[in-house]
Amino acid sequence: MAESPADLAAPAADRPTQNFAWSNMFVHPDDDPRSDGNHYDERTILVEYLRDQRLTLELKCADLDAEALARRAIPPSKLSLLGLVRHLAEVERGWFRRTMAGQDAPKLYCSEADPDGDFDGAVGDPEVVAEAWRTWRAEVEFAERFVAESDDLGVTGRHGGGEVSLRELLVHMIEEYARHNGHADLLRELIDGRVGQ
């Protein structure tokens, strides 16, 4: 029997309790691998903010087994941390390989028959998890290399019937990760009560 919204809001023995303390955060501020800002030129600002968002995704998924990574949010949502990793690999690939580099790079998980394949295929299998991280890291590496080798943030790629600049794409990617890292905050809290930072 499905739980009602009132049931989901009520405390339950099998749900984690929220605990806000440094010991329950992902990393102590002194050990945080993300930057603390203080960037002055446009390229560095965009590259470092995107780097920090990517690191945040990794932090939200740290120390979880395959089953926990594949745990879905409240039905009917298909969201899971593993699904987000797969989805963001797909997003990185689409924007940087296809749009900006003009590569023939087929979709990784999604298809016409399964447009939500990135989330549908996010199952609690260690091999699926390992493959998702390998793929995500490969797509991030390609994107970082593409940006580093681009002389100008005004370089454009073809998207739909128009063009998009690398500058605009970097801003979009920061927004994309920030949105999904908000989802990841809630997913992680649902799994073990750890709260975001």
C-alpha atoms as a PDB file:
ATOM      1  CA  MET A   1       0.000   0.000   0.000  1.00  0.00           C
ATOM      2  CA  ALA A   2       1.395   3.411  -0.991  1.00  0.00           C
ATOM      3  CA  GLU A   3       2.155   5.905   1.737  1.00  0.00           C
ATOM      4  CA  SER A   4       0.091   9.064   1.840  1.00  0.00           C
ATOM      5  CA  PRO A   5       1.769  12.488   1.996  1.00  0.00           C
ATOM      6  CA  ALA A   6       0.825  12.626   5.687  1.00  0.00           C
ATOM      7  CA  ASP A   7       2.545   9.268   6.270  1.00  0.00           C
ATOM      8  CA  LEU A   8       5.667  10.478   4.480  1.00  0.00           C
ATOM      9  CA  ALA A   9       5.785  13.614   6.619  1.00  0.00           C
ATOM     10  CA  ALA A  10       5.461  11.651   9.867  1.00  0.00           C
ATOM     11  CA  PRO A  11       8.583  10.306  11.577  1.00  0.00           C
ATOM     12  CA  ALA A  12       9.154   6.624  10.939  1.00  0.00           C
ATOM     13  CA  ALA A  13      11.542   4.179  12.560  1.00  0.00           C
ATOM     14  CA  ASP A  14      12.947   3.137   9.195  1.00  0.00           C
ATOM     15  CA  ARG A  15      13.652   6.677   8.055  1.00  0.00           C
ATOM     16  CA  PRO A  16      16.853   8.490   9.019  1.00  0.00           C
ATOM     17  CA  THR A  17      16.585  11.444  11.334  1.00  0.00           C
ATOM     18  CA  GLN A  18      18.049  14.758  10.367  1.00  0.00           C
ATOM     19  CA  ASN A  19      21.138  15.612  12.313  1.00  0.00           C
ATOM     20  CA  PHE A  20      22.867  18.903  11.663  1.00  0.00           C
ATOM     21  CA  ALA A  21      26.392  18.942  13.029  1.00  0.00           C
ATOM     22  CA  TRP A  22      29.853  19.127  11.488  1.00  0.00           C
ATOM     23  CA  SER A  23      30.281  15.437  12.232  1.00  0.00           C
ATOM     24  CA  ASN A  24      27.268  14.717  10.030  1.00  0.00           C
ATOM     25  CA  MET A  25      28.279  16.964   7.148  1.00  0.00           C
ATOM     26  CA  PHE A  26      29.984  15.582   4.062  1.00  0.00           C
ATOM     27  CA  VAL A  27      33.333  17.172   4.833  1.00  0.00           C
ATOM     28  CA  HIS A  28      34.612  19.498   7.504  1.00  0.00           C
ATOM     29  CA  PRO A  29      35.165  22.996   6.069  1.00  0.00           C
ATOM     30  CA  ASP A  30      38.920  22.631   6.583  1.00  0.00           C
ATOM     31  CA  ASP A  31      38.940  19.517   4.354  1.00  0.00           C
ATOM     32  CA  ASP A  32      36.536  20.717   1.657  1.00  0.00           C
ATOM     33  CA  PRO A  33      38.111  20.181  -1.812  1.00  0.00           C
ATOM     34  CA  ARG A  34      35.965  22.899  -3.364  1.00  0.00           C
ATOM     35  CA  SER A  35      37.293  26.390  -3.945  1.00  0.00           C
ATOM     36  CA  ASP A  36      36.424  29.308  -1.723  1.00  0.00           C
ATOM     37  CA  GLY A  37      35.860  31.735  -4.560  1.00  0.00           C
ATOM     38  CA  ASN A  38      38.174  34.713  -4.954  1.00  0.00           C
ATOM     39  CA  HIS A  39      38.484  34.207  -8.725  1.00  0.00           C
ATOM     40  CA  TYR A  40      38.914  37.335 -10.805  1.00  0.00           C
ATOM     41  CA  ASP A  41      38.912  36.555 -14.508  1.00  0.00           C
ATOM     42  CA  GLU A  42      35.817  35.325 -16.324  1.00  0.00           C
ATOM     43  CA  ARG A  43      37.214  31.994 -17.526  1.00  0.00           C
ATOM     44  CA  THR A  44      38.507  31.011 -14.087  1.00  0.00           C
ATOM     45  CA  ILE A  45      35.236  32.004 -12.430  1.00  0.00           C
ATOM     46  CA  LEU A  46      33.174  29.847 -14.794  1.00  0.00           C
ATOM     47  CA  VAL A  47      35.572  26.886 -14.811  1.00  0.00           C
ATOM     48  CA  GLU A  48      35.998  26.839 -11.022  1.00  0.00           C
ATOM     49  CA  TYR A  49      32.296  27.228 -10.226  1.00  0.00           C
ATOM     50  CA  LEU A  50      31.529  24.312 -12.555  1.00  0.00           C
ATOM     51  CA  ARG A  51      34.370  22.287 -11.014  1.00  0.00           C
ATOM     52  CA  ASP A  52      32.914  22.931  -7.560  1.00  0.00           C
ATOM     53  CA  GLN A  53      29.456  21.811  -8.668  1.00  0.00           C
ATOM     54  CA  ARG A  54      30.921  18.595 -10.085  1.00  0.00           C
ATOM     55  CA  LEU A  55      32.803  17.989  -6.828  1.00  0.00           C
ATOM     56  CA  THR A  56      29.582  18.577  -4.901  1.00  0.00           C
ATOM     57  CA  LEU A  57      27.887  15.765  -6.824  1.00  0.00           C
ATOM     58  CA  GLU A  58      30.738  13.429  -5.889  1.00  0.00           C
ATOM     59  CA  LEU A  59      30.522  14.471  -2.237  1.00  0.00           C
ATOM     60  CA  LYS A  60      26.773  13.799  -2.148  1.00  0.00           C
ATOM     61  CA  CYS A  61      27.374  10.255  -3.414  1.00  0.00           C
ATOM     62  CA  ALA A  62      30.410   9.452  -1.263  1.00  0.00           C
ATOM     63  CA  ASP A  63      30.498   6.391   1.000  1.00  0.00           C
ATOM     64  CA  LEU A  64      27.274   4.842  -0.301  1.00  0.00           C
ATOM     65  CA  ASP A  65      26.840   1.320  -1.648  1.00  0.00           C
ATOM     66  CA  ALA A  66      25.120   0.498  -4.930  1.00  0.00           C
ATOM     67  CA  GLU A  67      21.741  -0.096  -3.325  1.00  0.00           C
ATOM     68  CA  ALA A  68      21.774   3.284  -1.561  1.00  0.00           C
ATOM     69  CA  LEU A  69      22.919   5.115  -4.704  1.00  0.00           C
ATOM     70  CA  ALA A  70      20.043   3.562  -6.655  1.00  0.00           C
ATOM     71  CA  ARG A  71      17.418   4.327  -3.993  1.00  0.00           C
ATOM     72  CA  ARG A  72      14.644   6.380  -5.516  1.00  0.00           C
ATOM     73  CA  ALA A  73      12.950   9.420  -4.107  1.00  0.00           C
ATOM     74  CA  ILE A  74       9.308   9.379  -3.138  1.00  0.00           C
ATOM     75  CA  PRO A  75       7.104   7.851  -5.875  1.00  0.00           C
ATOM     76  CA  PRO A  76       6.318   8.627  -8.622  1.00  0.00           C
ATOM     77  CA  SER A  77       9.756  10.254  -8.981  1.00  0.00           C
ATOM     78  CA  LYS A  78      12.475   8.250 -10.712  1.00  0.00           C
ATOM     79  CA  LEU A  79      15.215  10.370  -9.116  1.00  0.00           C
ATOM     80  CA  SER A  80      18.148   8.604  -7.497  1.00  0.00           C
ATOM     81  CA  LEU A  81      21.744   9.623  -6.901  1.00  0.00           C
ATOM     82  CA  LEU A  82      22.907   7.022  -9.401  1.00  0.00           C
ATOM     83  CA  GLY A  83      20.341   8.297 -11.897  1.00  0.00           C
ATOM     84  CA  LEU A  84      21.731  11.806 -11.449  1.00  0.00           C
ATOM     85  CA  VAL A  85      25.282  10.602 -12.160  1.00  0.00           C
ATOM     86  CA  ARG A  86      24.084   8.880 -15.336  1.00  0.00           C
ATOM     87  CA  HIS A  87      21.948  11.863 -16.334  1.00  0.00           C
ATOM     88  CA  LEU A  88      24.792  14.326 -15.874  1.00  0.00           C
ATOM     89  CA  ALA A  89      27.134  12.103 -17.898  1.00  0.00           C
ATOM     90  CA  GLU A  90      24.524  12.251 -20.659  1.00  0.00           C
ATOM     91  CA  VAL A  91      24.267  16.057 -20.311  1.00  0.00           C
ATOM     92  CA  GLU A  92      28.066  16.549 -20.389  1.00  0.00           C
ATOM     93  CA  ARG A  93      28.314  14.346 -23.472  1.00  0.00           C
ATOM     94  CA  GLY A  94      25.507  16.076 -25.327  1.00  0.00           C
ATOM     95  CA  TRP A  95      26.729  19.602 -24.766  1.00  0.00           C
ATOM     96  CA  PHE A  96      30.482  19.212 -25.037  1.00  0.00           C
ATOM     97  CA  ARG A  97      30.904  16.365 -27.523  1.00  0.00           C
ATOM     98  CA  ARG A  98      27.902  16.844 -29.793  1.00  0.00           C
ATOM     99  CA  THR A  99      27.141  20.554 -29.547  1.00  0.00           C
ATOM    100  CA  MET A 100      30.556  22.121 -29.037  1.00  0.00           C
ATOM    101  CA  ALA A 101      32.970  19.620 -30.619  1.00  0.00           C
ATOM    102  CA  GLY A 102      30.563  18.494 -33.362  1.00  0.00           C
ATOM    103  CA  GLN A 103      31.256  14.819 -32.682  1.00  0.00           C
ATOM    104  CA  ASP A 104      28.984  11.970 -33.641  1.00  0.00           C
ATOM    105  CA  ALA A 105      28.478  10.848 -30.045  1.00  0.00           C
ATOM    106  CA  PRO A 106      25.346   8.736 -29.578  1.00  0.00           C
ATOM    107  CA  LYS A 107      23.410   9.008 -26.358  1.00  0.00           C
ATOM    108  CA  LEU A 108      24.670   6.769 -23.583  1.00  0.00           C
ATOM    109  CA  TYR A 109      21.532   5.732 -21.737  1.00  0.00           C
ATOM    110  CA  CYS A 110      18.538   7.401 -23.343  1.00  0.00           C
ATOM    111  CA  SER A 111      16.759   6.433 -26.537  1.00  0.00           C
ATOM    112  CA  GLU A 112      13.475   7.098 -28.294  1.00  0.00           C
ATOM    113  CA  ALA A 113      12.136   3.888 -26.771  1.00  0.00           C
ATOM    114  CA  ASP A 114      13.414   4.831 -23.297  1.00  0.00           C
ATOM    115  CA  PRO A 115      13.851   8.604 -23.035  1.00  0.00           C
ATOM    116  CA  ASP A 116      14.424   8.248 -19.267  1.00  0.00           C
ATOM    117  CA  GLY A 117      16.997   5.481 -19.619  1.00  0.00           C
ATOM    118  CA  ASP A 118      19.486   7.399 -17.502  1.00  0.00           C
ATOM    119  CA  PHE A 119      17.126   7.076 -14.515  1.00  0.00           C
ATOM    120  CA  ASP A 120      15.320   3.853 -15.515  1.00  0.00           C
ATOM    121  CA  GLY A 121      18.605   1.929 -15.761  1.00  0.00           C
ATOM    122  CA  ALA A 122      19.976   3.216 -12.453  1.00  0.00           C
ATOM    123  CA  VAL A 123      19.781  -0.053 -10.548  1.00  0.00           C
ATOM    124  CA  GLY A 124      21.590  -1.124  -7.398  1.00  0.00           C
ATOM    125  CA  ASP A 125      24.255  -3.217  -9.109  1.00  0.00           C
ATOM    126  CA  PRO A 126      27.929  -2.449  -8.295  1.00  0.00           C
ATOM    127  CA  GLU A 127      28.891  -2.899 -11.956  1.00  0.00           C
ATOM    128  CA  VAL A 128      26.238  -0.387 -13.055  1.00  0.00           C
ATOM    129  CA  VAL A 129      27.551   2.064 -10.452  1.00  0.00           C
ATOM    130  CA  ALA A 130      31.186   1.593 -11.503  1.00  0.00           C
ATOM    131  CA  GLU A 131      30.293   2.050 -15.172  1.00  0.00           C
ATOM    132  CA  ALA A 132      28.298   5.210 -14.412  1.00  0.00           C
ATOM    133  CA  TRP A 133      31.215   6.797 -12.550  1.00  0.00           C
ATOM    134  CA  ARG A 134      33.725   5.791 -15.269  1.00  0.00           C
ATOM    135  CA  THR A 135      31.463   7.266 -17.929  1.00  0.00           C
ATOM    136  CA  TRP A 136      30.746  10.470 -15.995  1.00  0.00           C
ATOM    137  CA  ARG A 137      34.458  11.016 -15.320  1.00  0.00           C
ATOM    138  CA  ALA A 138      35.334  10.422 -18.975  1.00  0.00           C
ATOM    139  CA  GLU A 139      32.740  12.969 -20.099  1.00  0.00           C
ATOM    140  CA  VAL A 140      33.916  15.516 -17.503  1.00  0.00           C
ATOM    141  CA  GLU A 141      37.532  14.975 -18.607  1.00  0.00           C
ATOM    142  CA  PHE A 142      36.567  15.590 -22.236  1.00  0.00           C
ATOM    143  CA  ALA A 143      34.655  18.744 -21.275  1.00  0.00           C
ATOM    144  CA  GLU A 144      37.513  20.101 -19.174  1.00  0.00           C
ATOM    145  CA  ARG A 145      40.001  19.449 -21.964  1.00  0.00           C
ATOM    146  CA  PHE A 146      37.703  21.101 -24.533  1.00  0.00           C
ATOM    147  CA  VAL A 147      37.387  24.230 -22.383  1.00  0.00           C
ATOM    148  CA  ALA A 148      41.127  24.358 -21.633  1.00  0.00           C
ATOM    149  CA  GLU A 149      41.980  24.094 -25.336  1.00  0.00           C
ATOM    150  CA  SER A 150      39.463  26.758 -26.404  1.00  0.00           C
ATOM    151  CA  ASP A 151      41.141  30.117 -26.864  1.00  0.00           C
ATOM    152  CA  ASP A 152      37.930  32.099 -26.585  1.00  0.00           C
ATOM    153  CA  LEU A 153      34.762  31.697 -24.513  1.00  0.00           C
ATOM    154  CA  GLY A 154      32.906  33.108 -27.505  1.00  0.00           C
ATOM    155  CA  VAL A 155      33.533  29.969 -29.590  1.00  0.00           C
ATOM    156  CA  THR A 156      30.181  28.531 -30.657  1.00  0.00           C
ATOM    157  CA  GLY A 157      28.622  25.175 -31.293  1.00  0.00           C
ATOM    158  CA  ARG A 158      25.444  24.178 -33.113  1.00  0.00           C
ATOM    159  CA  HIS A 159      22.403  23.452 -30.976  1.00  0.00           C
ATOM    160  CA  GLY A 160      19.026  22.867 -32.536  1.00  0.00           C
ATOM    161  CA  GLY A 161      18.569  25.538 -35.159  1.00  0.00           C
ATOM    162  CA  GLY A 162      20.966  28.014 -33.584  1.00  0.00           C
ATOM    163  CA  GLU A 163      24.298  28.498 -31.915  1.00  0.00           C
ATOM    164  CA  VAL A 164      25.466  28.501 -28.315  1.00  0.00           C
ATOM    165  CA  SER A 165      28.689  30.018 -27.053  1.00  0.00           C
ATOM    166  CA  LEU A 166      31.058  28.229 -24.719  1.00  0.00           C
ATOM    167  CA  ARG A 167      30.495  31.048 -22.219  1.00  0.00           C
ATOM    168  CA  GLU A 168      26.726  30.466 -22.241  1.00  0.00           C
ATOM    169  CA  LEU A 169      27.215  26.706 -22.021  1.00  0.00           C
ATOM    170  CA  LEU A 170      29.432  26.985 -18.935  1.00  0.00           C
ATOM    171  CA  VAL A 171      26.799  29.115 -17.208  1.00  0.00           C
ATOM    172  CA  HIS A 172      24.143  26.585 -18.215  1.00  0.00           C
ATOM    173  CA  MET A 173      26.206  23.687 -16.848  1.00  0.00           C
ATOM    174  CA  ILE A 174      26.660  25.451 -13.506  1.00  0.00           C
ATOM    175  CA  GLU A 175      22.882  25.895 -13.369  1.00  0.00           C
ATOM    176  CA  GLU A 176      22.276  22.257 -14.390  1.00  0.00           C
ATOM    177  CA  TYR A 177      24.541  20.890 -11.666  1.00  0.00           C
ATOM    178  CA  ALA A 178      23.259  23.329  -9.035  1.00  0.00           C
ATOM    179  CA  ARG A 179      19.678  22.232  -9.710  1.00  0.00           C
ATOM    180  CA  HIS A 180      20.526  18.550  -9.525  1.00  0.00           C
ATOM    181  CA  ASN A 181      22.764  18.982  -6.496  1.00  0.00           C
ATOM    182  CA  GLY A 182      19.686  20.351  -4.746  1.00  0.00           C
ATOM    183  CA  HIS A 183      17.967  17.089  -5.634  1.00  0.00           C
ATOM    184  CA  ALA A 184      21.035  15.214  -4.385  1.00  0.00           C
ATOM    185  CA  ASP A 185      20.824  17.023  -1.038  1.00  0.00           C
ATOM    186  CA  LEU A 186      17.319  15.720  -0.480  1.00  0.00           C
ATOM    187  CA  LEU A 187      18.109  12.227  -1.774  1.00  0.00           C
ATOM    188  CA  ARG A 188      21.112  11.883   0.525  1.00  0.00           C
ATOM    189  CA  GLU A 189      19.154  13.127   3.526  1.00  0.00           C
ATOM    190  CA  LEU A 190      16.491  10.517   2.756  1.00  0.00           C
ATOM    191  CA  ILE A 191      19.143   7.769   2.630  1.00  0.00           C
ATOM    192  CA  ASP A 192      21.084   8.427   5.821  1.00  0.00           C
ATOM    193  CA  GLY A 193      20.123  11.797   7.244  1.00  0.00           C
ATOM    194  CA  ARG A 194      23.338  13.534   6.182  1.00  0.00           C
ATOM    195  CA  VAL A 195      22.659  17.118   5.260  1.00  0.00           C
ATOM    196  CA  GLY A 196      24.181  19.160   2.491  1.00  0.00           C
ATOM    197  CA  GLN A 197      26.725  21.897   2.348  1.00  0.00           C
END
